[in-house]
Amino acid sequence: MALKLKVSNITCEKCADTITESIHVMEPDAKVDVDVNAKTVTVESAASEESIKQVIVAAGYTVEGY
């Protein structure tokens, strides 16, 4: 399942690394692409959308509409 989320408070590559690492802790095989300029996170994973959103929020970021 590919999921694209708008994460409004991504500001730099360190943010991208933090989000990617957080998702990989939950789902090591997930394919994660963070676009800092567009402020989007695209995830291909077997994990649920809810789980992915929770991990991003727990890492300190804001998922729009969540």
PDB file of N, CA and C in Angstrom:
ATOM      1  N   MET A   1       0.843  -1.187   0.000  1.00  0.00           N
ATOM      2  CA  MET A   1       0.000   0.000   0.000  1.00  0.00           C
ATOM      3  C   MET A   1       0.886   1.247   0.000  1.00  0.00           C
ATOM      4  N   ALA A   2       0.686   2.111  -0.964  1.00  0.00           N
ATOM      5  CA  ALA A   2       1.427   3.378  -0.987  1.00  0.00           C
ATOM      6  C   ALA A   2       0.552   4.450  -0.351  1.00  0.00           C
ATOM      7  N   LEU A   3       1.147   5.208   0.519  1.00  0.00           N
ATOM      8  CA  LEU A   3       0.432   6.239   1.263  1.00  0.00           C
ATOM      9  C   LEU A   3       1.229   7.529   1.175  1.00  0.00           C
ATOM     10  N   LYS A   4       0.568   8.615   0.770  1.00  0.00           N
ATOM     11  CA  LYS A   4       1.237   9.914   0.698  1.00  0.00           C
ATOM     12  C   LYS A   4       0.588  10.846   1.705  1.00  0.00           C
ATOM     13  N   LEU A   5       1.412  11.374   2.598  1.00  0.00           N
ATOM     14  CA  LEU A   5       0.921  12.237   3.669  1.00  0.00           C
ATOM     15  C   LEU A   5       1.580  13.607   3.597  1.00  0.00           C
ATOM     16  N   LYS A   6       0.827  14.627   3.911  1.00  0.00           N
ATOM     17  CA  LYS A   6       1.346  15.993   3.991  1.00  0.00           C
ATOM     18  C   LYS A   6       1.750  16.232   5.448  1.00  0.00           C
ATOM     19  N   VAL A   7       3.028  16.535   5.650  1.00  0.00           N
ATOM     20  CA  VAL A   7       3.553  16.767   7.000  1.00  0.00           C
ATOM     21  C   VAL A   7       4.102  18.192   7.014  1.00  0.00           C
ATOM     22  N   SER A   8       3.291  19.103   7.547  1.00  0.00           N
ATOM     23  CA  SER A   8       3.549  20.535   7.386  1.00  0.00           C
ATOM     24  C   SER A   8       4.780  21.055   8.107  1.00  0.00           C
ATOM     25  N   ASN A   9       5.273  20.361   9.136  1.00  0.00           N
ATOM     26  CA  ASN A   9       6.416  20.918   9.865  1.00  0.00           C
ATOM     27  C   ASN A   9       7.745  20.221   9.550  1.00  0.00           C
ATOM     28  N   ILE A  10       7.867  19.639   8.354  1.00  0.00           N
ATOM     29  CA  ILE A  10       9.171  19.154   7.887  1.00  0.00           C
ATOM     30  C   ILE A  10       9.950  20.382   7.409  1.00  0.00           C
ATOM     31  N   THR A  11      11.166  20.561   7.937  1.00  0.00           N
ATOM     32  CA  THR A  11      11.935  21.741   7.545  1.00  0.00           C
ATOM     33  C   THR A  11      13.300  21.423   6.936  1.00  0.00           C
ATOM     34  N   CYS A  12      13.809  20.211   7.179  1.00  0.00           N
ATOM     35  CA  CYS A  12      15.169  19.919   6.724  1.00  0.00           C
ATOM     36  C   CYS A  12      15.386  18.418   6.540  1.00  0.00           C
ATOM     37  N   GLU A  13      16.570  18.070   6.052  1.00  0.00           N
ATOM     38  CA  GLU A  13      16.904  16.660   5.848  1.00  0.00           C
ATOM     39  C   GLU A  13      16.951  15.892   7.164  1.00  0.00           C
ATOM     40  N   LYS A  14      17.299  16.561   8.260  1.00  0.00           N
ATOM     41  CA  LYS A  14      17.304  15.892   9.568  1.00  0.00           C
ATOM     42  C   LYS A  14      15.891  15.448   9.925  1.00  0.00           C
ATOM     43  N   CYS A  15      14.899  16.276   9.613  1.00  0.00           N
ATOM     44  CA  CYS A  15      13.495  15.891   9.821  1.00  0.00           C
ATOM     45  C   CYS A  15      13.174  14.647   8.992  1.00  0.00           C
ATOM     46  N   ALA A  16      13.604  14.654   7.749  1.00  0.00           N
ATOM     47  CA  ALA A  16      13.369  13.509   6.863  1.00  0.00           C
ATOM     48  C   ALA A  16      13.998  12.251   7.434  1.00  0.00           C
ATOM     49  N   ASP A  17      15.218  12.362   7.941  1.00  0.00           N
ATOM     50  CA  ASP A  17      15.905  11.207   8.536  1.00  0.00           C
ATOM     51  C   ASP A  17      15.160  10.695   9.768  1.00  0.00           C
ATOM     52  N   THR A  18      14.705  11.613  10.604  1.00  0.00           N
ATOM     53  CA  THR A  18      13.992  11.236  11.827  1.00  0.00           C
ATOM     54  C   THR A  18      12.706  10.480  11.494  1.00  0.00           C
ATOM     55  N   ILE A  19      11.952  10.988  10.542  1.00  0.00           N
ATOM     56  CA  ILE A  19      10.698  10.339  10.138  1.00  0.00           C
ATOM     57  C   ILE A  19      10.982   8.966   9.538  1.00  0.00           C
ATOM     58  N   THR A  20      11.966   8.904   8.659  1.00  0.00           N
ATOM     59  CA  THR A  20      12.319   7.633   8.018  1.00  0.00           C
ATOM     60  C   THR A  20      12.742   6.596   9.057  1.00  0.00           C
ATOM     61  N   GLU A  21      13.604   6.996   9.968  1.00  0.00           N
ATOM     62  CA  GLU A  21      14.067   6.072  11.011  1.00  0.00           C
ATOM     63  C   GLU A  21      12.917   5.610  11.900  1.00  0.00           C
ATOM     64  N   SER A  22      12.015   6.516  12.226  1.00  0.00           N
ATOM     65  CA  SER A  22      10.874   6.158  13.080  1.00  0.00           C
ATOM     66  C   SER A  22       9.977   5.119  12.404  1.00  0.00           C
ATOM     67  N   ILE A  23       9.723   5.308  11.122  1.00  0.00           N
ATOM     68  CA  ILE A  23       8.898   4.348  10.380  1.00  0.00           C
ATOM     69  C   ILE A  23       9.619   3.009  10.269  1.00  0.00           C
ATOM     70  N   HIS A  24      10.935   3.040  10.039  1.00  0.00           N
ATOM     71  CA  HIS A  24      11.693   1.793   9.912  1.00  0.00           C
ATOM     72  C   HIS A  24      11.773   1.007  11.221  1.00  0.00           C
ATOM     73  N   VAL A  25      11.675   1.679  12.353  1.00  0.00           N
ATOM     74  CA  VAL A  25      11.632   0.961  13.634  1.00  0.00           C
ATOM     75  C   VAL A  25      10.368   0.094  13.684  1.00  0.00           C
ATOM     76  N   MET A  26       9.255   0.656  13.241  1.00  0.00           N
ATOM     77  CA  MET A  26       7.983  -0.058  13.250  1.00  0.00           C
ATOM     78  C   MET A  26       7.921  -1.088  12.122  1.00  0.00           C
ATOM     79  N   GLU A  27       8.402  -0.718  10.947  1.00  0.00           N
ATOM     80  CA  GLU A  27       8.275  -1.535   9.738  1.00  0.00           C
ATOM     81  C   GLU A  27       9.601  -1.491   8.973  1.00  0.00           C
ATOM     82  N   PRO A  28      10.535  -2.382   9.316  1.00  0.00           N
ATOM     83  CA  PRO A  28      11.883  -2.341   8.721  1.00  0.00           C
ATOM     84  C   PRO A  28      11.917  -2.420   7.192  1.00  0.00           C
ATOM     85  N   ASP A  29      10.905  -3.052   6.598  1.00  0.00           N
ATOM     86  CA  ASP A  29      10.894  -3.220   5.141  1.00  0.00           C
ATOM     87  C   ASP A  29      10.172  -2.097   4.406  1.00  0.00           C
ATOM     88  N   ALA A  30       9.696  -1.108   5.129  1.00  0.00           N
ATOM     89  CA  ALA A  30       8.942  -0.019   4.498  1.00  0.00           C
ATOM     90  C   ALA A  30       9.844   0.785   3.564  1.00  0.00           C
ATOM     91  N   LYS A  31       9.261   1.211   2.442  1.00  0.00           N
ATOM     92  CA  LYS A  31       9.956   2.125   1.527  1.00  0.00           C
ATOM     93  C   LYS A  31       9.434   3.523   1.853  1.00  0.00           C
ATOM     94  N   VAL A  32      10.344   4.398   2.275  1.00  0.00           N
ATOM     95  CA  VAL A  32       9.954   5.735   2.729  1.00  0.00           C
ATOM     96  C   VAL A  32      10.646   6.780   1.864  1.00  0.00           C
ATOM     97  N   ASP A  33       9.858   7.736   1.364  1.00  0.00           N
ATOM     98  CA  ASP A  33      10.411   8.849   0.596  1.00  0.00           C
ATOM     99  C   ASP A  33       9.873  10.145   1.199  1.00  0.00           C
ATOM    100  N   VAL A  34      10.785  10.972   1.706  1.00  0.00           N
ATOM    101  CA  VAL A  34      10.387  12.247   2.289  1.00  0.00           C
ATOM    102  C   VAL A  34      10.844  13.364   1.358  1.00  0.00           C
ATOM    103  N   ASP A  35       9.898  14.184   0.919  1.00  0.00           N
ATOM    104  CA  ASP A  35      10.200  15.340   0.072  1.00  0.00           C
ATOM    105  C   ASP A  35      10.126  16.583   0.962  1.00  0.00           C
ATOM    106  N   VAL A  36      11.297  17.098   1.340  1.00  0.00           N
ATOM    107  CA  VAL A  36      11.361  18.235   2.263  1.00  0.00           C
ATOM    108  C   VAL A  36      10.701  19.468   1.648  1.00  0.00           C
ATOM    109  N   ASN A  37      10.951  19.717   0.368  1.00  0.00           N
ATOM    110  CA  ASN A  37      10.391  20.918  -0.274  1.00  0.00           C
ATOM    111  C   ASN A  37       8.872  20.868  -0.374  1.00  0.00           C
ATOM    112  N   ALA A  38       8.327  19.706  -0.718  1.00  0.00           N
ATOM    113  CA  ALA A  38       6.876  19.563  -0.856  1.00  0.00           C
ATOM    114  C   ALA A  38       6.207  19.265   0.488  1.00  0.00           C
ATOM    115  N   LYS A  39       7.036  18.958   1.502  1.00  0.00           N
ATOM    116  CA  LYS A  39       6.543  18.609   2.843  1.00  0.00           C
ATOM    117  C   LYS A  39       5.620  17.387   2.792  1.00  0.00           C
ATOM    118  N   THR A  40       6.061  16.364   2.040  1.00  0.00           N
ATOM    119  CA  THR A  40       5.288  15.131   1.945  1.00  0.00           C
ATOM    120  C   THR A  40       6.125  13.926   2.355  1.00  0.00           C
ATOM    121  N   VAL A  41       5.414  12.916   2.841  1.00  0.00           N
ATOM    122  CA  VAL A  41       6.026  11.633   3.182  1.00  0.00           C
ATOM    123  C   VAL A  41       5.246  10.576   2.418  1.00  0.00           C
ATOM    124  N   THR A  42       5.944   9.813   1.583  1.00  0.00           N
ATOM    125  CA  THR A  42       5.320   8.720   0.852  1.00  0.00           C
ATOM    126  C   THR A  42       5.864   7.422   1.422  1.00  0.00           C
ATOM    127  N   VAL A  43       4.962   6.530   1.786  1.00  0.00           N
ATOM    128  CA  VAL A  43       5.351   5.274   2.436  1.00  0.00           C
ATOM    129  C   VAL A  43       4.696   4.102   1.715  1.00  0.00           C
ATOM    130  N   GLU A  44       5.520   3.113   1.370  1.00  0.00           N
ATOM    131  CA  GLU A  44       4.996   1.837   0.888  1.00  0.00           C
ATOM    132  C   GLU A  44       5.300   0.827   1.968  1.00  0.00           C
ATOM    133  N   SER A  45       4.230   0.285   2.567  1.00  0.00           N
ATOM    134  CA  SER A  45       4.408  -0.563   3.741  1.00  0.00           C
ATOM    135  C   SER A  45       3.210  -1.471   3.931  1.00  0.00           C
ATOM    136  N   ALA A  46       3.442  -2.567   4.638  1.00  0.00           N
ATOM    137  CA  ALA A  46       2.349  -3.452   5.008  1.00  0.00           C
ATOM    138  C   ALA A  46       1.607  -2.908   6.231  1.00  0.00           C
ATOM    139  N   ALA A  47       2.192  -1.944   6.917  1.00  0.00           N
ATOM    140  CA  ALA A  47       1.584  -1.364   8.116  1.00  0.00           C
ATOM    141  C   ALA A  47       0.345  -0.547   7.733  1.00  0.00           C
ATOM    142  N   SER A  48      -0.552  -0.400   8.680  1.00  0.00           N
ATOM    143  CA  SER A  48      -1.779   0.368   8.430  1.00  0.00           C
ATOM    144  C   SER A  48      -1.484   1.863   8.346  1.00  0.00           C
ATOM    145  N   GLU A  49      -2.377   2.574   7.677  1.00  0.00           N
ATOM    146  CA  GLU A  49      -2.260   4.035   7.572  1.00  0.00           C
ATOM    147  C   GLU A  49      -2.248   4.665   8.963  1.00  0.00           C
ATOM    148  N   GLU A  50      -3.101   4.154   9.841  1.00  0.00           N
ATOM    149  CA  GLU A  50      -3.184   4.682  11.204  1.00  0.00           C
ATOM    150  C   GLU A  50      -1.853   4.519  11.938  1.00  0.00           C
ATOM    151  N   SER A  51      -1.231   3.358  11.802  1.00  0.00           N
ATOM    152  CA  SER A  51       0.054   3.100  12.466  1.00  0.00           C
ATOM    153  C   SER A  51       1.135   4.051  11.975  1.00  0.00           C
ATOM    154  N   ILE A  52       1.171   4.264  10.667  1.00  0.00           N
ATOM    155  CA  ILE A  52       2.180   5.153  10.087  1.00  0.00           C
ATOM    156  C   ILE A  52       1.975   6.584  10.587  1.00  0.00           C
ATOM    157  N   LYS A  53       0.730   7.040  10.599  1.00  0.00           N
ATOM    158  CA  LYS A  53       0.433   8.387  11.095  1.00  0.00           C
ATOM    159  C   LYS A  53       0.842   8.532  12.562  1.00  0.00           C
ATOM    160  N   GLN A  54       0.549   7.516  13.360  1.00  0.00           N
ATOM    161  CA  GLN A  54       0.893   7.569  14.784  1.00  0.00           C
ATOM    162  C   GLN A  54       2.398   7.664  14.988  1.00  0.00           C
ATOM    163  N   VAL A  55       3.162   6.937  14.190  1.00  0.00           N
ATOM    164  CA  VAL A  55       4.625   6.968  14.315  1.00  0.00           C
ATOM    165  C   VAL A  55       5.157   8.360  13.964  1.00  0.00           C
ATOM    166  N   ILE A  56       4.621   8.965  12.914  1.00  0.00           N
ATOM    167  CA  ILE A  56       5.066  10.303  12.504  1.00  0.00           C
ATOM    168  C   ILE A  56       4.741  11.332  13.589  1.00  0.00           C
ATOM    169  N   VAL A  57       3.540  11.248  14.159  1.00  0.00           N
ATOM    170  CA  VAL A  57       3.130  12.169  15.216  1.00  0.00           C
ATOM    171  C   VAL A  57       3.993  11.948  16.463  1.00  0.00           C
ATOM    172  N   ALA A  58       4.243  10.692  16.801  1.00  0.00           N
ATOM    173  CA  ALA A  58       5.072  10.385  17.979  1.00  0.00           C
ATOM    174  C   ALA A  58       6.500  10.911  17.820  1.00  0.00           C
ATOM    175  N   ALA A  59       6.956  11.030  16.576  1.00  0.00           N
ATOM    176  CA  ALA A  59       8.291  11.569  16.314  1.00  0.00           C
ATOM    177  C   ALA A  59       8.316  13.092  16.411  1.00  0.00           C
ATOM    178  N   GLY A  60       7.135  13.707  16.601  1.00  0.00           N
ATOM    179  CA  GLY A  60       7.076  15.155  16.807  1.00  0.00           C
ATOM    180  C   GLY A  60       6.625  15.956  15.603  1.00  0.00           C
ATOM    181  N   TYR A  61       6.002  15.295  14.627  1.00  0.00           N
ATOM    182  CA  TYR A  61       5.584  15.979  13.411  1.00  0.00           C
ATOM    183  C   TYR A  61       4.060  15.996  13.287  1.00  0.00           C
ATOM    184  N   THR A  62       3.559  16.871  12.458  1.00  0.00           N
ATOM    185  CA  THR A  62       2.133  17.072  12.302  1.00  0.00           C
ATOM    186  C   THR A  62       1.680  16.549  10.942  1.00  0.00           C
ATOM    187  N   VAL A  63       0.781  15.567  10.949  1.00  0.00           N
ATOM    188  CA  VAL A  63       0.208  15.048   9.713  1.00  0.00           C
ATOM    189  C   VAL A  63      -1.073  15.836   9.469  1.00  0.00           C
ATOM    190  N   GLU A  64      -1.149  16.514   8.317  1.00  0.00           N
ATOM    191  CA  GLU A  64      -2.340  17.325   8.030  1.00  0.00           C
ATOM    192  C   GLU A  64      -3.580  16.433   7.976  1.00  0.00           C
ATOM    193  N   GLY A  65      -4.646  16.889   8.612  1.00  0.00           N
ATOM    194  CA  GLY A  65      -5.899  16.156   8.633  1.00  0.00           C
ATOM    195  C   GLY A  65      -5.932  15.039   9.661  1.00  0.00           C
ATOM    196  N   TYR A  66      -4.929  15.005  10.552  1.00  0.00           N
ATOM    197  CA  TYR A  66      -4.879  13.945  11.559  1.00  0.00           C
ATOM    198  C   TYR A  66      -4.757  14.534  12.934  1.00  0.00           C
TER     199      TYR A  66
END
